[in-house]
Amino acid sequence: MTTADGPDRAEGWTAAVRQRLGLGRLLPLGGPADGAWISERAAAGVLRDATGGPGPGPVLGDLRISVADPDRAPEAVVEPPPSALPPGPLRIEATMSAMSDQPLPAAAETLRSALLTAAAHRLGLVVAEADLRVTELLDEPPERQVTAPADVHPARPQGAAGTAAAGVPGVVALTRVLGSAVHTGPGRVRIELATDAGHRALDVARAVRGAVAEAVEGHPSVAVLITAVVEQD
């Protein structure tokens, strides 16, 4: 027997699954003690923006980020989000297009340098390797692709943890892709949020962890998951 709200529930469940899968992998920010992760989708958007400047330079294609050596990656000090990658150094694998009249090694090095700089200084990702593969040679500069605005799914701050997190500079909004914005358990809290692209993601996460730990009774361990990085006007 099908209840009246059965289709609505099914559609809601499907939408939730699509949102979760759309995040991609949950990548560690910083090291084992930083308690911070960022979605692969959010990180990739920042990296594409950082390498997509005007001019006839190399163009980033497919992009994938993973742990460089999963077998030797350390365990996180705080409980990670479900299915998050361990906090070991990362590997960036990407394809690229380059102008046919430019030396390929120089073009690849230009793109690699831009990726590593953005990963470290705009996000806080620890990247051990960046492997690039040329898949296309171009005779004319391509049109630069504009990254679509991040889908934030904002949530209203609730409770001491949510209020403290929302008040940290660089936090655009709390989000609810994995359920509620604030997940609690015995002695632990996980906060899900979006950050401002003008702030380094890892620095925001560290500040949120400190603010939430101080605001919540018992000073619990705090994990932060960044699901979107947003350009603010």
C-alpha atoms as a PDB file:
ATOM      1  CA  MET A   1       0.000   0.000   0.000  1.00  0.00           C
ATOM      2  CA  THR A   2       1.352   3.425  -0.954  1.00  0.00           C
ATOM      3  CA  THR A   3       0.764   6.344   1.363  1.00  0.00           C
ATOM      4  CA  ALA A   4      -0.144   9.761   0.045  1.00  0.00           C
ATOM      5  CA  ASP A   5       3.278  11.190   0.811  1.00  0.00           C
ATOM      6  CA  GLY A   6       5.194   8.182  -0.522  1.00  0.00           C
ATOM      7  CA  PRO A   7       6.294   9.798  -3.822  1.00  0.00           C
ATOM      8  CA  ASP A   8       7.362  12.965  -2.016  1.00  0.00           C
ATOM      9  CA  ARG A   9       9.468  10.962   0.399  1.00  0.00           C
ATOM     10  CA  ALA A  10      11.047   9.035  -2.461  1.00  0.00           C
ATOM     11  CA  GLU A  11      11.863  12.248  -4.320  1.00  0.00           C
ATOM     12  CA  GLY A  12      13.358  13.758  -1.153  1.00  0.00           C
ATOM     13  CA  TRP A  13      15.520  10.690  -0.600  1.00  0.00           C
ATOM     14  CA  THR A  14      16.671  10.735  -4.233  1.00  0.00           C
ATOM     15  CA  ALA A  15      17.549  14.426  -4.028  1.00  0.00           C
ATOM     16  CA  ALA A  16      19.522  13.823  -0.831  1.00  0.00           C
ATOM     17  CA  VAL A  17      21.500  11.007  -2.462  1.00  0.00           C
ATOM     18  CA  ARG A  18      22.265  13.187  -5.481  1.00  0.00           C
ATOM     19  CA  GLN A  19      23.473  15.996  -3.228  1.00  0.00           C
ATOM     20  CA  ARG A  20      25.734  13.622  -1.303  1.00  0.00           C
ATOM     21  CA  LEU A  21      27.200  12.035  -4.426  1.00  0.00           C
ATOM     22  CA  GLY A  22      27.662  15.466  -5.974  1.00  0.00           C
ATOM     23  CA  LEU A  23      30.076  16.403  -3.217  1.00  0.00           C
ATOM     24  CA  GLY A  24      32.628  13.903  -4.510  1.00  0.00           C
ATOM     25  CA  ARG A  25      35.273  12.687  -2.099  1.00  0.00           C
ATOM     26  CA  LEU A  26      35.626  14.348   1.285  1.00  0.00           C
ATOM     27  CA  LEU A  27      39.224  15.562   1.298  1.00  0.00           C
ATOM     28  CA  PRO A  28      41.318  16.279   4.400  1.00  0.00           C
ATOM     29  CA  LEU A  29      42.392  19.860   5.014  1.00  0.00           C
ATOM     30  CA  GLY A  30      45.675  20.275   6.842  1.00  0.00           C
ATOM     31  CA  GLY A  31      46.948  17.377   8.943  1.00  0.00           C
ATOM     32  CA  PRO A  32      45.592  14.691  11.285  1.00  0.00           C
ATOM     33  CA  ALA A  33      45.000  17.107  14.166  1.00  0.00           C
ATOM     34  CA  ASP A  34      43.154  19.754  12.133  1.00  0.00           C
ATOM     35  CA  GLY A  35      39.785  17.968  12.122  1.00  0.00           C
ATOM     36  CA  ALA A  36      38.736  19.553   8.828  1.00  0.00           C
ATOM     37  CA  TRP A  37      37.517  18.228   5.484  1.00  0.00           C
ATOM     38  CA  ILE A  38      36.303  19.770   2.241  1.00  0.00           C
ATOM     39  CA  SER A  39      34.232  18.279  -0.542  1.00  0.00           C
ATOM     40  CA  GLU A  40      36.066  17.464  -3.736  1.00  0.00           C
ATOM     41  CA  ARG A  41      33.496  19.517  -5.653  1.00  0.00           C
ATOM     42  CA  ALA A  42      34.222  22.619  -3.580  1.00  0.00           C
ATOM     43  CA  ALA A  43      37.985  22.157  -3.814  1.00  0.00           C
ATOM     44  CA  ALA A  44      37.857  21.560  -7.576  1.00  0.00           C
ATOM     45  CA  GLY A  45      35.876  24.755  -8.089  1.00  0.00           C
ATOM     46  CA  VAL A  46      38.539  26.805  -6.328  1.00  0.00           C
ATOM     47  CA  LEU A  47      41.350  25.120  -8.275  1.00  0.00           C
ATOM     48  CA  ARG A  48      39.589  25.718 -11.599  1.00  0.00           C
ATOM     49  CA  ASP A  49      39.044  29.373 -10.811  1.00  0.00           C
ATOM     50  CA  ALA A  50      42.704  29.753  -9.845  1.00  0.00           C
ATOM     51  CA  THR A  51      43.944  28.257 -13.122  1.00  0.00           C
ATOM     52  CA  GLY A  52      41.364  29.748 -15.470  1.00  0.00           C
ATOM     53  CA  GLY A  53      42.812  33.199 -16.075  1.00  0.00           C
ATOM     54  CA  PRO A  54      42.705  35.006 -19.422  1.00  0.00           C
ATOM     55  CA  GLY A  55      45.236  34.405 -22.153  1.00  0.00           C
ATOM     56  CA  PRO A  56      46.536  31.478 -24.200  1.00  0.00           C
ATOM     57  CA  GLY A  57      47.803  29.425 -21.270  1.00  0.00           C
ATOM     58  CA  PRO A  58      47.071  25.749 -20.570  1.00  0.00           C
ATOM     59  CA  VAL A  59      43.477  24.787 -19.755  1.00  0.00           C
ATOM     60  CA  LEU A  60      42.535  22.420 -16.960  1.00  0.00           C
ATOM     61  CA  GLY A  61      40.354  19.467 -17.972  1.00  0.00           C
ATOM     62  CA  ASP A  62      39.176  16.569 -15.816  1.00  0.00           C
ATOM     63  CA  LEU A  63      40.313  16.819 -12.220  1.00  0.00           C
ATOM     64  CA  ARG A  64      40.506  14.167  -9.513  1.00  0.00           C
ATOM     65  CA  ILE A  65      41.931  14.392  -5.996  1.00  0.00           C
ATOM     66  CA  SER A  66      42.792  11.408  -3.819  1.00  0.00           C
ATOM     67  CA  VAL A  67      45.102  10.358  -0.984  1.00  0.00           C
ATOM     68  CA  ALA A  68      48.572   9.781  -2.409  1.00  0.00           C
ATOM     69  CA  ASP A  69      49.326   6.724  -0.243  1.00  0.00           C
ATOM     70  CA  PRO A  70      46.183   5.443   1.551  1.00  0.00           C
ATOM     71  CA  ASP A  71      48.049   2.572   3.212  1.00  0.00           C
ATOM     72  CA  ARG A  72      50.385   4.974   5.022  1.00  0.00           C
ATOM     73  CA  ALA A  73      47.916   7.764   5.766  1.00  0.00           C
ATOM     74  CA  PRO A  74      47.545   8.515   9.488  1.00  0.00           C
ATOM     75  CA  GLU A  75      44.264   8.376  11.361  1.00  0.00           C
ATOM     76  CA  ALA A  76      42.413  11.585  12.127  1.00  0.00           C
ATOM     77  CA  VAL A  77      42.576  12.824  15.699  1.00  0.00           C
ATOM     78  CA  VAL A  78      38.821  13.608  15.682  1.00  0.00           C
ATOM     79  CA  GLU A  79      36.038  11.468  14.243  1.00  0.00           C
ATOM     80  CA  PRO A  80      35.759  12.220  10.497  1.00  0.00           C
ATOM     81  CA  PRO A  81      32.562  12.662   8.470  1.00  0.00           C
ATOM     82  CA  PRO A  82      31.143   9.448   6.976  1.00  0.00           C
ATOM     83  CA  SER A  83      33.359   8.040   4.167  1.00  0.00           C
ATOM     84  CA  ALA A  84      35.870  10.897   4.463  1.00  0.00           C
ATOM     85  CA  LEU A  85      39.419  10.259   3.258  1.00  0.00           C
ATOM     86  CA  PRO A  86      42.155   9.911   5.893  1.00  0.00           C
ATOM     87  CA  PRO A  87      44.329  12.983   6.509  1.00  0.00           C
ATOM     88  CA  GLY A  88      47.340  11.978   4.424  1.00  0.00           C
ATOM     89  CA  PRO A  89      49.085  13.942   1.658  1.00  0.00           C
ATOM     90  CA  LEU A  90      47.016  14.150  -1.522  1.00  0.00           C
ATOM     91  CA  ARG A  91      47.530  13.484  -5.209  1.00  0.00           C
ATOM     92  CA  ILE A  92      45.980  15.685  -7.888  1.00  0.00           C
ATOM     93  CA  GLU A  93      45.391  13.981 -11.244  1.00  0.00           C
ATOM     94  CA  ALA A  94      44.216  16.134 -14.120  1.00  0.00           C
ATOM     95  CA  THR A  95      44.052  16.408 -17.868  1.00  0.00           C
ATOM     96  CA  MET A  96      44.924  19.575 -19.732  1.00  0.00           C
ATOM     97  CA  SER A  97      44.794  21.254 -23.107  1.00  0.00           C
ATOM     98  CA  ALA A  98      47.739  23.303 -24.359  1.00  0.00           C
ATOM     99  CA  MET A  99      48.515  25.562 -27.293  1.00  0.00           C
ATOM    100  CA  SER A 100      50.327  23.717 -30.058  1.00  0.00           C
ATOM    101  CA  ASP A 101      52.927  26.492 -30.420  1.00  0.00           C
ATOM    102  CA  GLN A 102      54.007  26.355 -26.771  1.00  0.00           C
ATOM    103  CA  PRO A 103      56.480  23.866 -25.236  1.00  0.00           C
ATOM    104  CA  LEU A 104      54.457  21.200 -23.434  1.00  0.00           C
ATOM    105  CA  PRO A 105      56.792  20.835 -20.414  1.00  0.00           C
ATOM    106  CA  ALA A 106      56.578  24.570 -19.725  1.00  0.00           C
ATOM    107  CA  ALA A 107      52.796  24.588 -20.132  1.00  0.00           C
ATOM    108  CA  ALA A 108      52.412  21.639 -17.777  1.00  0.00           C
ATOM    109  CA  GLU A 109      54.696  23.218 -15.194  1.00  0.00           C
ATOM    110  CA  THR A 110      52.728  26.487 -15.350  1.00  0.00           C
ATOM    111  CA  LEU A 111      49.483  24.663 -14.642  1.00  0.00           C
ATOM    112  CA  ARG A 112      51.026  22.440 -11.972  1.00  0.00           C
ATOM    113  CA  SER A 113      52.438  25.468 -10.148  1.00  0.00           C
ATOM    114  CA  ALA A 114      49.055  27.227 -10.225  1.00  0.00           C
ATOM    115  CA  LEU A 115      47.307  24.120  -8.859  1.00  0.00           C
ATOM    116  CA  LEU A 116      49.773  23.616  -6.019  1.00  0.00           C
ATOM    117  CA  THR A 117      49.733  27.290  -5.052  1.00  0.00           C
ATOM    118  CA  ALA A 118      45.936  27.452  -4.968  1.00  0.00           C
ATOM    119  CA  ALA A 119      45.687  24.164  -3.075  1.00  0.00           C
ATOM    120  CA  ALA A 120      48.018  25.411  -0.348  1.00  0.00           C
ATOM    121  CA  HIS A 121      47.202  29.109  -0.085  1.00  0.00           C
ATOM    122  CA  ARG A 122      43.487  29.242  -0.885  1.00  0.00           C
ATOM    123  CA  LEU A 123      42.389  25.929   0.623  1.00  0.00           C
ATOM    124  CA  GLY A 124      44.982  24.363   2.911  1.00  0.00           C
ATOM    125  CA  LEU A 125      45.252  21.039   1.091  1.00  0.00           C
ATOM    126  CA  VAL A 126      48.514  19.152   1.612  1.00  0.00           C
ATOM    127  CA  VAL A 127      49.417  17.956  -1.892  1.00  0.00           C
ATOM    128  CA  ALA A 128      52.312  15.586  -2.449  1.00  0.00           C
ATOM    129  CA  GLU A 129      51.889  15.032  -6.190  1.00  0.00           C
ATOM    130  CA  ALA A 130      50.228  16.723  -9.147  1.00  0.00           C
ATOM    131  CA  ASP A 131      50.112  14.526 -12.257  1.00  0.00           C
ATOM    132  CA  LEU A 132      49.054  16.208 -15.502  1.00  0.00           C
ATOM    133  CA  ARG A 133      48.280  14.543 -18.816  1.00  0.00           C
ATOM    134  CA  VAL A 134      47.983  16.503 -22.067  1.00  0.00           C
ATOM    135  CA  THR A 135      44.900  15.348 -23.979  1.00  0.00           C
ATOM    136  CA  GLU A 136      44.518  18.080 -26.596  1.00  0.00           C
ATOM    137  CA  LEU A 137      46.683  20.508 -28.576  1.00  0.00           C
ATOM    138  CA  LEU A 138      44.961  23.739 -29.599  1.00  0.00           C
ATOM    139  CA  ASP A 139      45.649  26.071 -32.499  1.00  0.00           C
ATOM    140  CA  GLU A 140      43.582  28.902 -30.994  1.00  0.00           C
ATOM    141  CA  PRO A 141      43.024  29.930 -27.380  1.00  0.00           C
ATOM    142  CA  PRO A 142      39.808  28.346 -26.080  1.00  0.00           C
ATOM    143  CA  GLU A 143      37.008  30.213 -24.360  1.00  0.00           C
ATOM    144  CA  ARG A 144      37.565  30.099 -20.631  1.00  0.00           C
ATOM    145  CA  GLN A 145      34.879  28.204 -18.748  1.00  0.00           C
ATOM    146  CA  VAL A 146      33.177  29.991 -15.874  1.00  0.00           C
ATOM    147  CA  THR A 147      32.625  27.850 -12.800  1.00  0.00           C
ATOM    148  CA  ALA A 148      28.956  27.652 -11.834  1.00  0.00           C
ATOM    149  CA  PRO A 149      28.079  29.201  -8.461  1.00  0.00           C
ATOM    150  CA  ALA A 150      28.204  26.727  -5.594  1.00  0.00           C
ATOM    151  CA  ASP A 151      24.933  25.192  -4.405  1.00  0.00           C
ATOM    152  CA  VAL A 152      24.979  26.064  -0.716  1.00  0.00           C
ATOM    153  CA  HIS A 153      21.772  24.586   0.825  1.00  0.00           C
ATOM    154  CA  PRO A 154      21.878  27.008   3.782  1.00  0.00           C
ATOM    155  CA  ALA A 155      20.621  26.006   7.219  1.00  0.00           C
ATOM    156  CA  ARG A 156      19.539  28.265  10.051  1.00  0.00           C
ATOM    157  CA  PRO A 157      22.048  28.273  12.935  1.00  0.00           C
ATOM    158  CA  GLN A 158      20.626  26.517  15.983  1.00  0.00           C
ATOM    159  CA  GLY A 159      22.041  25.842  19.420  1.00  0.00           C
ATOM    160  CA  ALA A 160      25.329  26.991  20.873  1.00  0.00           C
ATOM    161  CA  ALA A 161      27.422  25.094  18.310  1.00  0.00           C
ATOM    162  CA  GLY A 162      25.568  26.425  15.271  1.00  0.00           C
ATOM    163  CA  THR A 163      25.511  29.989  16.546  1.00  0.00           C
ATOM    164  CA  ALA A 164      29.219  29.943  17.359  1.00  0.00           C
ATOM    165  CA  ALA A 165      30.156  28.493  13.971  1.00  0.00           C
ATOM    166  CA  ALA A 166      27.998  30.940  12.013  1.00  0.00           C
ATOM    167  CA  GLY A 167      29.667  33.895  13.745  1.00  0.00           C
ATOM    168  CA  VAL A 168      33.213  33.019  12.642  1.00  0.00           C
ATOM    169  CA  PRO A 169      34.653  35.335   9.950  1.00  0.00           C
ATOM    170  CA  GLY A 170      34.781  33.551   6.608  1.00  0.00           C
ATOM    171  CA  VAL A 171      31.704  31.399   7.256  1.00  0.00           C
ATOM    172  CA  VAL A 172      29.072  32.197   4.616  1.00  0.00           C
ATOM    173  CA  ALA A 173      26.407  29.840   5.947  1.00  0.00           C
ATOM    174  CA  LEU A 174      25.869  26.560   7.673  1.00  0.00           C
ATOM    175  CA  THR A 175      24.828  23.851   5.203  1.00  0.00           C
ATOM    176  CA  ARG A 176      22.826  20.624   5.346  1.00  0.00           C
ATOM    177  CA  VAL A 177      23.978  18.342   2.556  1.00  0.00           C
ATOM    178  CA  LEU A 178      24.631  15.372   4.871  1.00  0.00           C
ATOM    179  CA  GLY A 179      21.574  16.000   6.989  1.00  0.00           C
ATOM    180  CA  SER A 180      21.539  18.684   9.665  1.00  0.00           C
ATOM    181  CA  ALA A 181      24.228  21.354   9.827  1.00  0.00           C
ATOM    182  CA  VAL A 182      25.238  20.324  13.344  1.00  0.00           C
ATOM    183  CA  HIS A 183      25.801  16.639  14.122  1.00  0.00           C
ATOM    184  CA  THR A 184      26.397  15.734  17.758  1.00  0.00           C
ATOM    185  CA  GLY A 185      27.499  12.642  19.635  1.00  0.00           C
ATOM    186  CA  PRO A 186      29.073  11.838  23.000  1.00  0.00           C
ATOM    187  CA  GLY A 187      31.886  14.338  23.406  1.00  0.00           C
ATOM    188  CA  ARG A 188      31.934  15.371  19.757  1.00  0.00           C
ATOM    189  CA  VAL A 189      30.365  17.797  17.297  1.00  0.00           C
ATOM    190  CA  ARG A 190      30.534  17.998  13.504  1.00  0.00           C
ATOM    191  CA  ILE A 191      29.730  21.269  11.737  1.00  0.00           C
ATOM    192  CA  GLU A 192      28.863  21.480   8.042  1.00  0.00           C
ATOM    193  CA  LEU A 193      29.304  24.862   6.355  1.00  0.00           C
ATOM    194  CA  ALA A 194      30.210  26.993   3.344  1.00  0.00           C
ATOM    195  CA  THR A 195      33.151  29.390   3.395  1.00  0.00           C
ATOM    196  CA  ASP A 196      33.965  32.671   1.674  1.00  0.00           C
ATOM    197  CA  ALA A 197      36.473  32.284  -1.167  1.00  0.00           C
ATOM    198  CA  GLY A 198      38.330  35.288   0.206  1.00  0.00           C
ATOM    199  CA  HIS A 199      39.344  33.297   3.296  1.00  0.00           C
ATOM    200  CA  ARG A 200      41.639  30.272   3.338  1.00  0.00           C
ATOM    201  CA  ALA A 201      39.374  27.306   3.979  1.00  0.00           C
ATOM    202  CA  LEU A 202      41.632  25.612   6.534  1.00  0.00           C
ATOM    203  CA  ASP A 203      41.989  28.813   8.570  1.00  0.00           C
ATOM    204  CA  VAL A 204      38.207  29.193   8.728  1.00  0.00           C
ATOM    205  CA  ALA A 205      37.797  25.557   9.792  1.00  0.00           C
ATOM    206  CA  ARG A 206      40.354  25.952  12.564  1.00  0.00           C
ATOM    207  CA  ALA A 207      38.611  29.071  13.842  1.00  0.00           C
ATOM    208  CA  VAL A 208      35.237  27.314  13.770  1.00  0.00           C
ATOM    209  CA  ARG A 209      36.616  24.381  15.743  1.00  0.00           C
ATOM    210  CA  GLY A 210      37.938  26.692  18.432  1.00  0.00           C
ATOM    211  CA  ALA A 211      34.752  28.755  18.636  1.00  0.00           C
ATOM    212  CA  VAL A 212      32.476  25.720  18.852  1.00  0.00           C
ATOM    213  CA  ALA A 213      34.636  23.922  21.418  1.00  0.00           C
ATOM    214  CA  GLU A 214      34.504  27.014  23.643  1.00  0.00           C
ATOM    215  CA  ALA A 215      30.770  27.552  23.184  1.00  0.00           C
ATOM    216  CA  VAL A 216      29.587  24.007  23.869  1.00  0.00           C
ATOM    217  CA  GLU A 217      29.495  22.647  27.391  1.00  0.00           C
ATOM    218  CA  GLY A 218      32.202  20.078  28.024  1.00  0.00           C
ATOM    219  CA  HIS A 219      34.488  21.414  25.268  1.00  0.00           C
ATOM    220  CA  PRO A 220      33.854  18.543  22.821  1.00  0.00           C
ATOM    221  CA  SER A 221      36.095  17.540  19.947  1.00  0.00           C
ATOM    222  CA  VAL A 222      34.948  19.331  16.801  1.00  0.00           C
ATOM    223  CA  ALA A 223      35.135  18.300  13.154  1.00  0.00           C
ATOM    224  CA  VAL A 224      34.349  20.661  10.273  1.00  0.00           C
ATOM    225  CA  LEU A 225      33.135  19.748   6.790  1.00  0.00           C
ATOM    226  CA  ILE A 226      33.213  22.464   4.120  1.00  0.00           C
ATOM    227  CA  THR A 227      30.699  21.652   1.395  1.00  0.00           C
ATOM    228  CA  ALA A 228      31.024  24.842  -0.675  1.00  0.00           C
ATOM    229  CA  VAL A 229      33.365  27.773  -1.239  1.00  0.00           C
ATOM    230  CA  VAL A 230      31.465  30.883  -2.311  1.00  0.00           C
ATOM    231  CA  GLU A 231      32.582  34.080  -4.013  1.00  0.00           C
ATOM    232  CA  GLN A 232      31.151  36.988  -2.014  1.00  0.00           C
ATOM    233  CA  ASP A 233      30.309  40.303  -3.660  1.00  0.00           C
END
